[in-house]
Amino acid sequence: MEKSPDAFRTISEVADELNVPQHVLRFWETRFTQIKPMKRAGGRRYYRPADVDLVRGIRVLLYGEGYTIRGVQKIFKDDGAAVIVAIGRGEAKARKPELLAEKAPPPGTAKAAPRIVKTAAPPVGRAPLARPIGEAPKVIHKLTGGQTDTLKAALRDLTDARKLLDPTTR
């Protein structure tokens, strides 16, 4: 027997619907304070339909669009939960951030990934998702010569550090 669309869902029902383990949903609650399922005596979670849409939107961004947790947190901060709920309902698409070209850092220095800049607001409408929820994106990275040199230098530094710290590699 199928539940009404307005019915509350247990964590196992939400996990099955979104094809994610229950522990992932619990972890997301710690990273995204906007996820607030109702908790009954004994700590059993009940997700409202809006909660399910929010979690579905987070899943689309993390698994479908390749965002990091920090990236999704930034979307919450900049655009609000309503945008992520709309993504979860398939009413909006995630913005595609453009990477800025940066000079490669000097060899041997650690540096964060390139900055991300905002693009225009995502189109709103009942557009289908880019790919089914269960599929991971195929990512192909092309590195510049400077980026390759930086990665090689970092690998050398890590190898040297490991040799110093691990007596079995000497």
Protein backbone atom coordinates (compact mmCIF):
# COMPACT_ATOMS: atom_id res chain seq x y z
CA MET A 1 0.00 0.00 0.00
CA GLU A 2 1.43 3.36 -1.03
CA LYS A 3 1.38 6.39 1.25
CA SER A 4 -0.27 9.68 0.49
CA PRO A 5 2.10 12.34 -0.92
CA ASP A 6 1.41 14.43 2.21
CA ALA A 7 2.24 11.60 4.64
CA PHE A 8 5.28 11.68 6.87
CA ARG A 9 8.05 9.24 5.98
CA THR A 10 10.44 7.31 8.19
CA ILE A 11 14.17 7.52 7.65
CA SER A 12 14.16 4.05 6.07
CA GLU A 13 11.46 5.09 3.57
CA VAL A 14 13.38 8.26 2.64
CA ALA A 15 16.65 6.33 2.37
CA ASP A 16 15.04 3.76 0.07
CA GLU A 17 13.34 6.44 -2.06
CA LEU A 18 16.57 8.41 -2.54
CA ASN A 19 18.85 5.37 -2.75
CA VAL A 20 21.15 6.53 0.05
CA PRO A 21 22.01 4.75 3.31
CA GLN A 22 20.27 5.90 6.48
CA HIS A 23 23.57 6.88 8.07
CA VAL A 24 24.15 9.34 5.22
CA LEU A 25 20.84 11.06 6.00
CA ARG A 26 21.84 11.30 9.67
CA PHE A 27 25.24 12.69 8.66
CA TRP A 28 23.61 15.29 6.40
CA GLU A 29 21.54 16.44 9.39
CA THR A 30 24.82 17.33 11.12
CA ARG A 31 26.11 19.27 8.12
CA PHE A 32 22.89 20.97 7.02
CA THR A 33 20.96 22.48 9.93
CA GLN A 34 18.05 23.11 7.55
CA ILE A 35 17.21 19.38 7.61
CA LYS A 36 14.89 19.09 10.60
CA PRO A 37 12.84 15.90 10.61
CA MET A 38 10.35 15.59 13.40
CA LYS A 39 11.62 13.30 16.15
CA ARG A 40 9.30 11.25 18.32
CA ALA A 41 9.99 9.62 21.65
CA GLY A 42 12.94 7.30 21.27
CA GLY A 43 14.49 9.49 18.57
CA ARG A 44 12.59 8.02 15.61
CA ARG A 45 12.70 10.46 12.68
CA TYR A 46 9.71 11.41 10.58
CA TYR A 47 10.32 13.42 7.43
CA ARG A 48 7.68 15.85 6.17
CA PRO A 49 7.22 16.10 2.38
CA ALA A 50 9.19 19.39 2.37
CA ASP A 51 12.01 17.66 4.30
CA VAL A 52 12.11 14.90 1.68
CA ASP A 53 12.28 17.49 -1.14
CA LEU A 54 15.10 19.30 0.67
CA VAL A 55 17.09 16.09 1.15
CA ARG A 56 16.40 15.12 -2.48
CA GLY A 57 17.77 18.51 -3.59
CA ILE A 58 20.90 18.01 -1.49
CA ARG A 59 21.32 14.57 -3.02
CA VAL A 60 20.99 15.95 -6.56
CA LEU A 61 23.61 18.61 -5.83
CA LEU A 62 26.07 16.25 -4.12
CA TYR A 63 25.70 13.13 -6.25
CA GLY A 64 24.24 14.41 -9.50
CA GLU A 65 25.98 17.75 -9.94
CA GLY A 66 29.24 16.99 -8.14
CA TYR A 67 29.02 19.70 -5.48
CA THR A 68 30.88 19.33 -2.20
CA ILE A 69 29.18 19.64 1.17
CA ARG A 70 30.77 23.07 1.54
CA GLY A 71 29.44 24.03 -1.90
CA VAL A 72 25.89 23.04 -0.95
CA GLN A 73 26.25 24.94 2.35
CA LYS A 74 27.21 28.00 0.29
CA ILE A 75 24.08 27.61 -1.84
CA PHE A 76 22.01 27.46 1.38
CA LYS A 77 23.73 30.63 2.59
CA ASP A 78 23.52 32.56 -0.69
CA ASP A 79 20.20 31.40 -2.14
CA GLY A 80 18.28 29.81 0.72
CA ALA A 81 16.63 26.45 1.24
CA ALA A 82 13.80 27.21 -1.20
CA VAL A 83 16.19 26.89 -4.16
CA ILE A 84 17.37 23.48 -2.97
CA VAL A 85 13.77 22.35 -2.38
CA ALA A 86 12.96 23.46 -5.96
CA ILE A 87 15.94 21.46 -7.23
CA GLY A 88 14.66 18.45 -5.27
CA ARG A 89 11.24 18.80 -6.87
CA GLY A 90 12.77 19.17 -10.35
CA GLU A 91 11.46 22.74 -10.65
CA ALA A 92 14.94 24.29 -10.93
CA LYS A 93 18.44 23.30 -11.95
CA ALA A 94 21.66 23.87 -10.10
CA ARG A 95 23.83 26.72 -11.24
CA LYS A 96 26.91 25.69 -13.11
CA PRO A 97 29.79 27.59 -11.50
CA GLU A 98 32.59 28.73 -13.75
CA LEU A 99 36.14 28.24 -12.64
CA LEU A 100 38.45 31.23 -12.75
CA ALA A 101 41.78 30.73 -14.42
CA GLU A 102 44.48 31.26 -11.82
CA LYS A 103 48.21 31.14 -11.95
CA ALA A 104 49.61 27.89 -10.68
CA PRO A 105 51.14 28.21 -7.22
CA PRO A 106 54.90 27.84 -6.85
CA PRO A 107 56.04 24.20 -6.76
CA GLY A 108 56.03 22.66 -3.31
CA THR A 109 53.34 24.92 -1.86
CA ALA A 110 49.88 23.78 -0.93
CA LYS A 111 46.99 25.80 -2.32
CA ALA A 112 43.23 25.43 -2.33
CA ALA A 113 41.26 24.64 -5.47
CA PRO A 114 40.47 27.51 -7.86
CA ARG A 115 37.85 30.01 -6.74
CA ILE A 116 34.31 29.59 -7.98
CA VAL A 117 32.29 32.52 -9.25
CA LYS A 118 28.53 32.81 -9.44
CA THR A 119 26.83 32.62 -12.79
CA ALA A 120 23.37 33.81 -13.70
CA ALA A 121 20.41 32.47 -11.74
CA PRO A 122 19.33 28.97 -12.71
CA PRO A 123 16.40 28.63 -15.09
CA VAL A 124 13.12 27.93 -13.34
CA GLY A 125 10.61 25.50 -14.76
CA ARG A 126 9.80 21.85 -14.77
CA ALA A 127 13.01 20.89 -16.50
CA PRO A 128 14.06 17.25 -16.10
CA LEU A 129 17.20 16.42 -14.15
CA ALA A 130 20.41 16.26 -16.15
CA ARG A 131 20.81 12.56 -15.37
CA PRO A 132 18.95 9.99 -13.30
CA ILE A 133 19.61 10.30 -9.57
CA GLY A 134 21.49 7.00 -9.33
CA GLU A 135 24.15 7.87 -11.93
CA ALA A 136 27.40 9.64 -11.07
CA PRO A 137 28.71 12.35 -13.39
CA LYS A 138 31.61 11.48 -15.67
CA VAL A 139 34.32 13.99 -14.90
CA ILE A 140 37.33 14.57 -17.10
CA HIS A 141 39.96 16.98 -15.85
CA LYS A 142 42.59 18.58 -18.01
CA LEU A 143 45.47 20.10 -16.12
CA THR A 144 47.73 22.86 -17.31
CA GLY A 145 51.48 22.33 -17.28
CA GLY A 146 51.79 24.48 -14.16
CA GLN A 147 49.11 22.49 -12.35
CA THR A 148 50.84 19.23 -13.28
CA ASP A 149 54.16 20.57 -11.96
CA THR A 150 52.48 21.65 -8.74
CA LEU A 151 50.91 18.22 -8.23
CA LYS A 152 54.23 16.48 -8.93
CA ALA A 153 56.00 18.75 -6.43
CA ALA A 154 53.32 18.07 -3.81
CA LEU A 155 53.65 14.33 -4.40
CA ARG A 156 57.43 14.55 -3.97
CA ASP A 157 56.96 16.50 -0.73
CA LEU A 158 54.49 13.92 0.58
CA THR A 159 56.80 11.04 -0.37
CA ASP A 160 59.71 12.73 1.43
CA ALA A 161 57.54 13.34 4.51
CA ARG A 162 56.42 9.71 4.53
CA LYS A 163 60.03 8.55 4.38
CA LEU A 164 60.82 10.71 7.39
CA LEU A 165 57.83 9.54 9.41
CA ASP A 166 57.61 5.87 8.46
CA PRO A 167 60.73 3.87 9.33
CA THR A 168 59.64 0.89 7.18
CA THR A 169 60.02 2.92 3.96
CA ARG A 170 63.69 3.76 4.54
